[in-house]
């Protein structure tokens, strides 16, 4: 009888404990339901370039820019290019009326022919008198006169040859060729205008491939670069470009010039890099961001900070 009562008491105690635990568990679950579940960020471990780089504002500059000018006076007869297009070296750009200059060339040729005829006559006269002097038929004074006449005729020939070359040069200047390959500006004169050596440039040809980008580097940064052994022949840094839209420019550049003096107005030193520009993406005058990387890149494992707790 006592044993049955004892078992009943134990059963009742276990039931009470179970009810109490169940109540505590439900209460804990309700409390957790009221609080947000902590988020966990998962990231892929990657290897990336962790080299220290510097960024600078650079201005794009043309390697060569040439103003096309008329060297002789005349009326423009033709224009042989499209404004803004690429022209090649020695391409015909403008033609100035050539008829007046052709007339001068013809005149100079006639003068040269006359001078040569006079030279031939003077030479023959000199040879005859030289032979007669030996026979005592002609006085030596006459021989000296013949020698002087021959020298004068020879000088006239040289003068006529020079005049002919000058006339041919003027005639050649009536055809204006491009001195380099590049992009040409809008023509400043139309066909029919009178132009000359005192006129404004007819157009401008600007080379765009390759192209230069100049940056200003502080004296402090340049001193640090010198300590690392900066060398234009074997540069230890490579420049790249970020365009104004945030995209990376294709192709790396090469530093080819360091200014010998510090700009006192900005306390910087101008450093120039050359970039290939076959597609004409870079245009003279625009601003770009230049990133300077060490040639020996340093790579390391990279993990997002938000993924580390």
C-alpha atoms as a PDB file:
ATOM      1  CA  UNK A   1       0.000   0.000   0.000  1.00  0.00           C
ATOM      2  CA  UNK A   2       2.816   2.344   0.878  1.00  0.00           C
ATOM      3  CA  UNK A   3       4.728   1.387  -2.252  1.00  0.00           C
ATOM      4  CA  UNK A   4       1.718   2.232  -4.477  1.00  0.00           C
ATOM      5  CA  UNK A   5       1.372   5.629  -2.819  1.00  0.00           C
ATOM      6  CA  UNK A   6       5.072   6.326  -3.324  1.00  0.00           C
ATOM      7  CA  UNK A   7       4.887   5.503  -7.039  1.00  0.00           C
ATOM      8  CA  UNK A   8       1.869   7.737  -7.453  1.00  0.00           C
ATOM      9  CA  UNK A   9       3.758  10.617  -5.840  1.00  0.00           C
ATOM     10  CA  UNK A  10       6.710  10.149  -8.186  1.00  0.00           C
ATOM     11  CA  UNK A  11       4.431  10.091 -11.229  1.00  0.00           C
ATOM     12  CA  UNK A  12       2.724  13.269 -10.092  1.00  0.00           C
ATOM     13  CA  UNK A  13       6.114  15.008  -9.625  1.00  0.00           C
ATOM     14  CA  UNK A  14       7.321  14.025 -13.084  1.00  0.00           C
ATOM     15  CA  UNK A  15       4.138  15.367 -14.628  1.00  0.00           C
ATOM     16  CA  UNK A  16       4.598  18.679 -12.863  1.00  0.00           C
ATOM     17  CA  UNK A  17       8.228  18.923 -14.078  1.00  0.00           C
ATOM     18  CA  UNK A  18       7.158  18.122 -17.653  1.00  0.00           C
ATOM     19  CA  UNK A  19       4.450  20.763 -17.565  1.00  0.00           C
ATOM     20  CA  UNK A  20       6.882  23.335 -16.177  1.00  0.00           C
ATOM     21  CA  UNK A  21       9.510  22.553 -18.870  1.00  0.00           C
ATOM     22  CA  UNK A  22       6.880  22.636 -21.579  1.00  0.00           C
ATOM     23  CA  UNK A  23       5.724  26.034 -20.378  1.00  0.00           C
ATOM     24  CA  UNK A  24       9.317  27.352 -20.271  1.00  0.00           C
ATOM     25  CA  UNK A  25      10.029  26.065 -23.803  1.00  0.00           C
ATOM     26  CA  UNK A  26       6.934  27.689 -25.259  1.00  0.00           C
ATOM     27  CA  UNK A  27       7.798  30.962 -23.540  1.00  0.00           C
ATOM     28  CA  UNK A  28      11.391  30.858 -24.897  1.00  0.00           C
ATOM     29  CA  UNK A  29      10.106  30.099 -28.402  1.00  0.00           C
ATOM     30  CA  UNK A  30       7.728  33.051 -28.179  1.00  0.00           C
ATOM     31  CA  UNK A  31      10.591  35.346 -27.109  1.00  0.00           C
ATOM     32  CA  UNK A  32      12.795  34.141 -29.988  1.00  0.00           C
ATOM     33  CA  UNK A  33       9.978  34.668 -32.435  1.00  0.00           C
ATOM     34  CA  UNK A  34       9.832  38.328 -31.454  1.00  0.00           C
ATOM     35  CA  UNK A  35      13.562  38.909 -32.246  1.00  0.00           C
ATOM     36  CA  UNK A  36      15.027  38.878 -35.841  1.00  0.00           C
ATOM     37  CA  UNK A  37      17.223  35.968 -36.768  1.00  0.00           C
ATOM     38  CA  UNK A  38      20.872  37.077 -37.208  1.00  0.00           C
ATOM     39  CA  UNK A  39      21.933  37.239 -40.909  1.00  0.00           C
ATOM     40  CA  UNK A  40      25.025  35.454 -42.086  1.00  0.00           C
ATOM     41  CA  UNK A  41      27.023  36.781 -45.098  1.00  0.00           C
ATOM     42  CA  UNK A  42      28.627  34.162 -47.286  1.00  0.00           C
ATOM     43  CA  UNK A  43      31.426  35.196 -49.679  1.00  0.00           C
ATOM     44  CA  UNK A  44      33.730  33.344 -52.057  1.00  0.00           C
ATOM     45  CA  UNK A  45      37.408  33.564 -51.220  1.00  0.00           C
ATOM     46  CA  UNK A  46      39.257  35.086 -54.185  1.00  0.00           C
ATOM     47  CA  UNK A  47      42.793  36.003 -55.104  1.00  0.00           C
ATOM     48  CA  UNK A  48      43.118  39.596 -56.292  1.00  0.00           C
ATOM     49  CA  UNK A  49      45.658  42.310 -57.014  1.00  0.00           C
ATOM     50  CA  UNK A  50      46.432  44.185 -53.791  1.00  0.00           C
ATOM     51  CA  UNK A  51      49.292  46.306 -55.158  1.00  0.00           C
ATOM     52  CA  UNK A  52      49.338  49.881 -53.950  1.00  0.00           C
ATOM     53  CA  UNK A  53      48.246  52.204 -56.770  1.00  0.00           C
ATOM     54  CA  UNK A  54      48.010  55.937 -57.222  1.00  0.00           C
ATOM     55  CA  UNK A  55      45.376  57.813 -59.185  1.00  0.00           C
ATOM     56  CA  UNK A  56      45.919  61.146 -60.932  1.00  0.00           C
ATOM     57  CA  UNK A  57      43.953  63.462 -63.162  1.00  0.00           C
ATOM     58  CA  UNK A  58      45.507  63.507 -66.612  1.00  0.00           C
ATOM     59  CA  UNK A  59      44.976  65.579 -69.737  1.00  0.00           C
ATOM     60  CA  UNK A  60      45.120  63.959 -73.160  1.00  0.00           C
ATOM     61  CA  UNK A  61      47.482  65.648 -75.626  1.00  0.00           C
ATOM     62  CA  UNK A  62      48.330  65.025 -79.255  1.00  0.00           C
ATOM     63  CA  UNK A  63      51.803  63.818 -80.112  1.00  0.00           C
ATOM     64  CA  UNK A  64      51.821  66.087 -83.197  1.00  0.00           C
ATOM     65  CA  UNK A  65      49.525  68.891 -84.319  1.00  0.00           C
ATOM     66  CA  UNK A  66      50.267  70.854 -87.498  1.00  0.00           C
ATOM     67  CA  UNK A  67      48.587  73.966 -88.878  1.00  0.00           C
ATOM     68  CA  UNK A  68      48.205  73.724 -92.650  1.00  0.00           C
ATOM     69  CA  UNK A  69      49.141  77.053 -94.258  1.00  0.00           C
ATOM     70  CA  UNK A  70      49.390  78.376 -97.786  1.00  0.00           C
ATOM     71  CA  UNK A  71      52.975  79.201 -98.796  1.00  0.00           C
ATOM     72  CA  UNK A  72      52.052  80.989-102.027  1.00  0.00           C
ATOM     73  CA  UNK A  73      49.293  83.426-102.884  1.00  0.00           C
ATOM     74  CA  UNK A  74      46.371  82.330-105.028  1.00  0.00           C
ATOM     75  CA  UNK A  75      42.759  81.265-105.238  1.00  0.00           C
ATOM     76  CA  UNK A  76      41.776  77.899-103.773  1.00  0.00           C
ATOM     77  CA  UNK A  77      40.742  75.650-106.641  1.00  0.00           C
ATOM     78  CA  UNK A  78      39.832  72.482-104.719  1.00  0.00           C
ATOM     79  CA  UNK A  79      39.607  70.877-101.298  1.00  0.00           C
ATOM     80  CA  UNK A  80      40.180  67.125-101.203  1.00  0.00           C
ATOM     81  CA  UNK A  81      39.096  65.882 -97.767  1.00  0.00           C
ATOM     82  CA  UNK A  82      36.070  65.583 -95.501  1.00  0.00           C
ATOM     83  CA  UNK A  83      36.051  67.703 -92.360  1.00  0.00           C
ATOM     84  CA  UNK A  84      36.918  65.705 -89.239  1.00  0.00           C
ATOM     85  CA  UNK A  85      38.055  62.600 -91.081  1.00  0.00           C
ATOM     86  CA  UNK A  86      41.417  60.847 -90.938  1.00  0.00           C
ATOM     87  CA  UNK A  87      43.962  61.847 -93.576  1.00  0.00           C
ATOM     88  CA  UNK A  88      47.202  60.090 -94.391  1.00  0.00           C
ATOM     89  CA  UNK A  89      50.689  61.496 -94.783  1.00  0.00           C
ATOM     90  CA  UNK A  90      51.282  63.110 -98.213  1.00  0.00           C
ATOM     91  CA  UNK A  91      47.553  63.081 -99.011  1.00  0.00           C
ATOM     92  CA  UNK A  92      46.502  66.004-101.230  1.00  0.00           C
ATOM     93  CA  UNK A  93      44.443  68.448 -99.151  1.00  0.00           C
ATOM     94  CA  UNK A  94      44.194  71.734-101.091  1.00  0.00           C
ATOM     95  CA  UNK A  95      45.022  72.954-104.584  1.00  0.00           C
ATOM     96  CA  UNK A  96      45.830  76.631-105.286  1.00  0.00           C
ATOM     97  CA  UNK A  97      45.605  77.961-108.841  1.00  0.00           C
ATOM     98  CA  UNK A  98      48.848  76.968-110.529  1.00  0.00           C
ATOM     99  CA  UNK A  99      48.669  78.682-113.941  1.00  0.00           C
ATOM    100  CA  UNK A 100      50.537  81.892-112.916  1.00  0.00           C
ATOM    101  CA  UNK A 101      53.322  79.859-111.323  1.00  0.00           C
ATOM    102  CA  UNK A 102      53.598  77.574-114.352  1.00  0.00           C
ATOM    103  CA  UNK A 103      54.150  80.673-116.522  1.00  0.00           C
ATOM    104  CA  UNK A 104      57.019  81.769-114.271  1.00  0.00           C
ATOM    105  CA  UNK A 105      58.588  78.308-114.492  1.00  0.00           C
ATOM    106  CA  UNK A 106      58.479  78.473-118.287  1.00  0.00           C
ATOM    107  CA  UNK A 107      60.104  81.914-118.255  1.00  0.00           C
ATOM    108  CA  UNK A 108      62.901  80.732-115.989  1.00  0.00           C
ATOM    109  CA  UNK A 109      63.564  77.749-118.247  1.00  0.00           C
ATOM    110  CA  UNK A 110      63.894  80.068-121.235  1.00  0.00           C
ATOM    111  CA  UNK A 111      66.291  82.304-119.324  1.00  0.00           C
ATOM    112  CA  UNK A 112      68.374  79.287-118.365  1.00  0.00           C
ATOM    113  CA  UNK A 113      68.540  78.146-121.987  1.00  0.00           C
ATOM    114  CA  UNK A 114      69.695  81.611-123.075  1.00  0.00           C
ATOM    115  CA  UNK A 115      72.330  81.699-120.346  1.00  0.00           C
ATOM    116  CA  UNK A 116      73.663  78.307-121.389  1.00  0.00           C
ATOM    117  CA  UNK A 117      73.910  79.443-125.002  1.00  0.00           C
ATOM    118  CA  UNK A 118      75.897  82.511-123.928  1.00  0.00           C
ATOM    119  CA  UNK A 119      78.152  80.270-121.842  1.00  0.00           C
ATOM    120  CA  UNK A 120      78.838  78.007-124.837  1.00  0.00           C
ATOM    121  CA  UNK A 121      79.726  80.999-127.022  1.00  0.00           C
ATOM    122  CA  UNK A 122      81.998  82.501-124.337  1.00  0.00           C
ATOM    123  CA  UNK A 123      83.765  79.176-123.854  1.00  0.00           C
ATOM    124  CA  UNK A 124      84.420  78.826-127.577  1.00  0.00           C
ATOM    125  CA  UNK A 125      85.753  82.389-127.814  1.00  0.00           C
ATOM    126  CA  UNK A 126      88.072  81.765-124.887  1.00  0.00           C
ATOM    127  CA  UNK A 127      89.504  78.607-126.460  1.00  0.00           C
ATOM    128  CA  UNK A 128      90.164  80.381-129.778  1.00  0.00           C
ATOM    129  CA  UNK A 129      91.941  83.340-128.191  1.00  0.00           C
ATOM    130  CA  UNK A 130      93.971  81.044-125.955  1.00  0.00           C
ATOM    131  CA  UNK A 131      95.251  79.256-129.023  1.00  0.00           C
ATOM    132  CA  UNK A 132      96.016  82.506-130.831  1.00  0.00           C
ATOM    133  CA  UNK A 133      97.939  83.924-127.880  1.00  0.00           C
ATOM    134  CA  UNK A 134     100.450  81.127-128.358  1.00  0.00           C
ATOM    135  CA  UNK A 135     100.975  82.306-131.948  1.00  0.00           C
ATOM    136  CA  UNK A 136     101.339  85.945-130.832  1.00  0.00           C
ATOM    137  CA  UNK A 137      98.361  86.897-132.958  1.00  0.00           C
ATOM    138  CA  UNK A 138      96.139  87.990-130.025  1.00  0.00           C
ATOM    139  CA  UNK A 139      97.292  90.085-127.124  1.00  0.00           C
ATOM    140  CA  UNK A 140      97.051  88.589-123.639  1.00  0.00           C
ATOM    141  CA  UNK A 141      94.617  91.353-122.629  1.00  0.00           C
ATOM    142  CA  UNK A 142      92.107  89.989-125.127  1.00  0.00           C
ATOM    143  CA  UNK A 143      92.519  86.536-123.587  1.00  0.00           C
ATOM    144  CA  UNK A 144      91.813  87.944-120.150  1.00  0.00           C
ATOM    145  CA  UNK A 145      88.651  89.589-121.464  1.00  0.00           C
ATOM    146  CA  UNK A 146      87.518  86.299-122.956  1.00  0.00           C
ATOM    147  CA  UNK A 147      88.223  84.513-119.662  1.00  0.00           C
ATOM    148  CA  UNK A 148      86.152  87.089-117.751  1.00  0.00           C
ATOM    149  CA  UNK A 149      83.293  86.819-120.266  1.00  0.00           C
ATOM    150  CA  UNK A 150      83.258  83.028-119.811  1.00  0.00           C
ATOM    151  CA  UNK A 151      83.180  83.317-116.016  1.00  0.00           C
ATOM    152  CA  UNK A 152      80.303  85.815-116.236  1.00  0.00           C
ATOM    153  CA  UNK A 153      78.363  83.498-118.537  1.00  0.00           C
ATOM    154  CA  UNK A 154      78.876  80.574-116.144  1.00  0.00           C
ATOM    155  CA  UNK A 155      77.635  82.702-113.232  1.00  0.00           C
ATOM    156  CA  UNK A 156      74.559  83.671-115.235  1.00  0.00           C
ATOM    157  CA  UNK A 157      73.811  79.986-115.793  1.00  0.00           C
ATOM    158  CA  UNK A 158      74.018  79.277-112.069  1.00  0.00           C
ATOM    159  CA  UNK A 159      71.742  82.242-111.343  1.00  0.00           C
ATOM    160  CA  UNK A 160      69.210  81.070-113.919  1.00  0.00           C
ATOM    161  CA  UNK A 161      69.252  77.551-112.466  1.00  0.00           C
ATOM    162  CA  UNK A 162      68.541  78.928-108.987  1.00  0.00           C
ATOM    163  CA  UNK A 163      65.695  81.084-110.330  1.00  0.00           C
ATOM    164  CA  UNK A 164      64.198  78.035-112.057  1.00  0.00           C
ATOM    165  CA  UNK A 165      64.366  75.976-108.845  1.00  0.00           C
ATOM    166  CA  UNK A 166      62.640  78.784-106.921  1.00  0.00           C
ATOM    167  CA  UNK A 167      59.889  78.976-109.537  1.00  0.00           C
ATOM    168  CA  UNK A 168      59.441  75.190-109.412  1.00  0.00           C
ATOM    169  CA  UNK A 169      59.171  75.339-105.617  1.00  0.00           C
ATOM    170  CA  UNK A 170      56.437  77.971-105.841  1.00  0.00           C
ATOM    171  CA  UNK A 171      54.640  75.829-108.385  1.00  0.00           C
ATOM    172  CA  UNK A 172      54.914  72.827-106.058  1.00  0.00           C
ATOM    173  CA  UNK A 173      53.455  74.826-103.186  1.00  0.00           C
ATOM    174  CA  UNK A 174      50.190  75.166-105.102  1.00  0.00           C
ATOM    175  CA  UNK A 175      49.509  71.552-104.080  1.00  0.00           C
ATOM    176  CA  UNK A 176      49.223  71.320-100.297  1.00  0.00           C
ATOM    177  CA  UNK A 177      49.854  67.843 -98.857  1.00  0.00           C
ATOM    178  CA  UNK A 178      49.285  66.505 -95.350  1.00  0.00           C
ATOM    179  CA  UNK A 179      52.575  66.385 -93.404  1.00  0.00           C
ATOM    180  CA  UNK A 180      51.366  63.521 -91.193  1.00  0.00           C
ATOM    181  CA  UNK A 181      48.661  60.940 -90.642  1.00  0.00           C
ATOM    182  CA  UNK A 182      45.924  62.139 -88.311  1.00  0.00           C
ATOM    183  CA  UNK A 183      42.497  63.685 -87.991  1.00  0.00           C
ATOM    184  CA  UNK A 184      41.889  66.939 -89.832  1.00  0.00           C
ATOM    185  CA  UNK A 185      39.827  69.836 -88.546  1.00  0.00           C
ATOM    186  CA  UNK A 186      37.139  71.770 -90.378  1.00  0.00           C
ATOM    187  CA  UNK A 187      38.480  73.762 -93.307  1.00  0.00           C
ATOM    188  CA  UNK A 188      38.649  77.487 -92.538  1.00  0.00           C
ATOM    189  CA  UNK A 189      38.467  78.545 -96.190  1.00  0.00           C
ATOM    190  CA  UNK A 190      36.173  77.356 -98.936  1.00  0.00           C
ATOM    191  CA  UNK A 191      36.982  76.964-102.609  1.00  0.00           C
ATOM    192  CA  UNK A 192      37.241  80.328-104.363  1.00  0.00           C
ATOM    193  CA  UNK A 193      38.846  82.230-101.486  1.00  0.00           C
ATOM    194  CA  UNK A 194      42.111  84.060-102.015  1.00  0.00           C
ATOM    195  CA  UNK A 195      44.751  82.758 -99.598  1.00  0.00           C
ATOM    196  CA  UNK A 196      48.420  83.410 -99.028  1.00  0.00           C
ATOM    197  CA  UNK A 197      51.279  83.112 -96.575  1.00  0.00           C
ATOM    198  CA  UNK A 198      49.690  85.810 -94.381  1.00  0.00           C
ATOM    199  CA  UNK A 199      46.324  84.006 -94.183  1.00  0.00           C
ATOM    200  CA  UNK A 200      45.075  82.046 -91.181  1.00  0.00           C
ATOM    201  CA  UNK A 201      45.738  78.283 -91.189  1.00  0.00           C
ATOM    202  CA  UNK A 202      43.650  76.504 -93.793  1.00  0.00           C
ATOM    203  CA  UNK A 203      43.084  73.555 -91.410  1.00  0.00           C
ATOM    204  CA  UNK A 204      44.819  71.619 -88.638  1.00  0.00           C
ATOM    205  CA  UNK A 205      45.929  67.982 -88.728  1.00  0.00           C
ATOM    206  CA  UNK A 206      46.257  66.268 -85.336  1.00  0.00           C
ATOM    207  CA  UNK A 207      47.773  62.845 -84.794  1.00  0.00           C
ATOM    208  CA  UNK A 208      45.787  60.616 -82.421  1.00  0.00           C
ATOM    209  CA  UNK A 209      47.608  57.264 -82.498  1.00  0.00           C
ATOM    210  CA  UNK A 210      49.656  57.035 -80.364  1.00  0.00           C
ATOM    211  CA  UNK A 211      48.584  59.763 -77.973  1.00  0.00           C
ATOM    212  CA  UNK A 212      50.034  61.407 -74.868  1.00  0.00           C
ATOM    213  CA  UNK A 213      48.524  61.773 -71.393  1.00  0.00           C
ATOM    214  CA  UNK A 214      50.182  64.187 -68.963  1.00  0.00           C
ATOM    215  CA  UNK A 215      49.736  64.072 -65.177  1.00  0.00           C
ATOM    216  CA  UNK A 216      51.035  66.251 -62.366  1.00  0.00           C
ATOM    217  CA  UNK A 217      52.890  64.358 -59.636  1.00  0.00           C
ATOM    218  CA  UNK A 218      53.731  65.984 -56.317  1.00  0.00           C
ATOM    219  CA  UNK A 219      57.366  66.412 -55.426  1.00  0.00           C
ATOM    220  CA  UNK A 220      56.843  64.084 -52.452  1.00  0.00           C
ATOM    221  CA  UNK A 221      55.575  61.248 -54.639  1.00  0.00           C
ATOM    222  CA  UNK A 222      58.337  61.821 -57.157  1.00  0.00           C
ATOM    223  CA  UNK A 223      60.988  61.621 -54.430  1.00  0.00           C
ATOM    224  CA  UNK A 224      59.517  58.283 -53.344  1.00  0.00           C
ATOM    225  CA  UNK A 225      59.604  57.076 -56.952  1.00  0.00           C
ATOM    226  CA  UNK A 226      63.229  58.134 -57.258  1.00  0.00           C
ATOM    227  CA  UNK A 227      64.063  56.146 -54.129  1.00  0.00           C
ATOM    228  CA  UNK A 228      62.546  53.095 -55.796  1.00  0.00           C
ATOM    229  CA  UNK A 229      64.773  53.671 -58.799  1.00  0.00           C
ATOM    230  CA  UNK A 230      62.507  55.310 -61.359  1.00  0.00           C
ATOM    231  CA  UNK A 231      63.831  54.637 -64.846  1.00  0.00           C
ATOM    232  CA  UNK A 232      62.179  55.626 -68.134  1.00  0.00           C
ATOM    233  CA  UNK A 233      64.174  53.034 -70.068  1.00  0.00           C
ATOM    234  CA  UNK A 234      63.049  50.227 -67.750  1.00  0.00           C
ATOM    235  CA  UNK A 235      60.038  51.696 -65.913  1.00  0.00           C
ATOM    236  CA  UNK A 236      58.901  50.024 -62.703  1.00  0.00           C
ATOM    237  CA  UNK A 237      55.397  51.542 -62.940  1.00  0.00           C
ATOM    238  CA  UNK A 238      52.680  51.094 -65.565  1.00  0.00           C
ATOM    239  CA  UNK A 239      49.903  53.662 -66.212  1.00  0.00           C
ATOM    240  CA  UNK A 240      46.352  52.693 -67.114  1.00  0.00           C
ATOM    241  CA  UNK A 241      43.324  54.884 -67.808  1.00  0.00           C
ATOM    242  CA  UNK A 242      39.805  55.087 -66.434  1.00  0.00           C
ATOM    243  CA  UNK A 243      37.453  57.010 -68.729  1.00  0.00           C
ATOM    244  CA  UNK A 244      34.909  59.585 -67.588  1.00  0.00           C
ATOM    245  CA  UNK A 245      32.099  56.999 -67.694  1.00  0.00           C
ATOM    246  CA  UNK A 246      33.988  54.798 -65.224  1.00  0.00           C
ATOM    247  CA  UNK A 247      35.038  52.178 -67.751  1.00  0.00           C
ATOM    248  CA  UNK A 248      38.624  50.998 -68.070  1.00  0.00           C
ATOM    249  CA  UNK A 249      40.488  51.962 -71.209  1.00  0.00           C
ATOM    250  CA  UNK A 250      41.913  49.077 -73.194  1.00  0.00           C
ATOM    251  CA  UNK A 251      45.672  48.984 -73.271  1.00  0.00           C
ATOM    252  CA  UNK A 252      48.482  50.043 -70.981  1.00  0.00           C
ATOM    253  CA  UNK A 253      50.717  53.065 -71.431  1.00  0.00           C
ATOM    254  CA  UNK A 254      54.382  53.773 -70.956  1.00  0.00           C
ATOM    255  CA  UNK A 255      56.009  56.744 -69.249  1.00  0.00           C
ATOM    256  CA  UNK A 256      58.354  58.514 -71.639  1.00  0.00           C
ATOM    257  CA  UNK A 257      58.985  61.984 -70.186  1.00  0.00           C
ATOM    258  CA  UNK A 258      59.568  63.664 -66.830  1.00  0.00           C
ATOM    259  CA  UNK A 259      59.755  67.465 -66.704  1.00  0.00           C
ATOM    260  CA  UNK A 260      63.151  68.744 -65.550  1.00  0.00           C
ATOM    261  CA  UNK A 261      61.612  71.421 -63.285  1.00  0.00           C
ATOM    262  CA  UNK A 262      58.822  71.766 -60.719  1.00  0.00           C
ATOM    263  CA  UNK A 263      55.812  73.878 -61.651  1.00  0.00           C
ATOM    264  CA  UNK A 264      55.877  76.597 -58.991  1.00  0.00           C
ATOM    265  CA  UNK A 265      52.169  77.374 -59.368  1.00  0.00           C
ATOM    266  CA  UNK A 266      51.076  73.794 -58.540  1.00  0.00           C
ATOM    267  CA  UNK A 267      54.212  72.384 -56.856  1.00  0.00           C
ATOM    268  CA  UNK A 268      54.007  69.369 -59.156  1.00  0.00           C
ATOM    269  CA  UNK A 269      56.182  67.776 -61.804  1.00  0.00           C
ATOM    270  CA  UNK A 270      54.694  66.971 -65.199  1.00  0.00           C
ATOM    271  CA  UNK A 271      55.045  63.333 -66.212  1.00  0.00           C
ATOM    272  CA  UNK A 272      53.921  62.138 -69.623  1.00  0.00           C
ATOM    273  CA  UNK A 273      52.812  58.692 -70.742  1.00  0.00           C
ATOM    274  CA  UNK A 274      52.214  57.394 -74.249  1.00  0.00           C
ATOM    275  CA  UNK A 275      49.161  55.221 -74.996  1.00  0.00           C
ATOM    276  CA  UNK A 276      48.112  53.355 -78.142  1.00  0.00           C
ATOM    277  CA  UNK A 277      44.883  54.817 -79.523  1.00  0.00           C
ATOM    278  CA  UNK A 278      43.969  52.836 -82.663  1.00  0.00           C
ATOM    279  CA  UNK A 279      40.205  53.328 -82.229  1.00  0.00           C
ATOM    280  CA  UNK A 280      40.439  57.051 -81.526  1.00  0.00           C
ATOM    281  CA  UNK A 281      38.739  56.759 -78.120  1.00  0.00           C
ATOM    282  CA  UNK A 282      41.089  59.313 -76.561  1.00  0.00           C
ATOM    283  CA  UNK A 283      40.905  62.835 -77.968  1.00  0.00           C
ATOM    284  CA  UNK A 284      43.253  65.741 -77.281  1.00  0.00           C
ATOM    285  CA  UNK A 285      41.997  68.031 -74.546  1.00  0.00           C
ATOM    286  CA  UNK A 286      39.862  65.551 -72.584  1.00  0.00           C
ATOM    287  CA  UNK A 287      40.469  64.670 -68.926  1.00  0.00           C
ATOM    288  CA  UNK A 288      40.939  61.088 -67.736  1.00  0.00           C
ATOM    289  CA  UNK A 289      41.892  59.313 -64.529  1.00  0.00           C
ATOM    290  CA  UNK A 290      45.318  57.718 -64.668  1.00  0.00           C
ATOM    291  CA  UNK A 291      46.010  54.759 -62.380  1.00  0.00           C
ATOM    292  CA  UNK A 292      49.683  54.036 -61.738  1.00  0.00           C
ATOM    293  CA  UNK A 293      50.466  50.410 -60.866  1.00  0.00           C
ATOM    294  CA  UNK A 294      53.783  48.845 -59.950  1.00  0.00           C
ATOM    295  CA  UNK A 295      55.021  46.643 -62.758  1.00  0.00           C
ATOM    296  CA  UNK A 296      55.524  43.735 -60.323  1.00  0.00           C
ATOM    297  CA  UNK A 297      51.945  43.117 -59.156  1.00  0.00           C
ATOM    298  CA  UNK A 298      51.238  41.749 -55.652  1.00  0.00           C
ATOM    299  CA  UNK A 299      48.361  39.281 -55.267  1.00  0.00           C
ATOM    300  CA  UNK A 300      46.747  37.985 -52.060  1.00  0.00           C
ATOM    301  CA  UNK A 301      43.671  36.146 -50.783  1.00  0.00           C
ATOM    302  CA  UNK A 302      40.736  38.532 -50.417  1.00  0.00           C
ATOM    303  CA  UNK A 303      37.651  38.033 -48.205  1.00  0.00           C
ATOM    304  CA  UNK A 304      34.804  40.532 -47.780  1.00  0.00           C
ATOM    305  CA  UNK A 305      34.872  42.166 -44.351  1.00  0.00           C
ATOM    306  CA  UNK A 306      31.136  41.617 -43.913  1.00  0.00           C
ATOM    307  CA  UNK A 307      31.711  37.869 -44.127  1.00  0.00           C
ATOM    308  CA  UNK A 308      34.034  37.855 -41.098  1.00  0.00           C
ATOM    309  CA  UNK A 309      32.601  37.820 -37.557  1.00  0.00           C
END
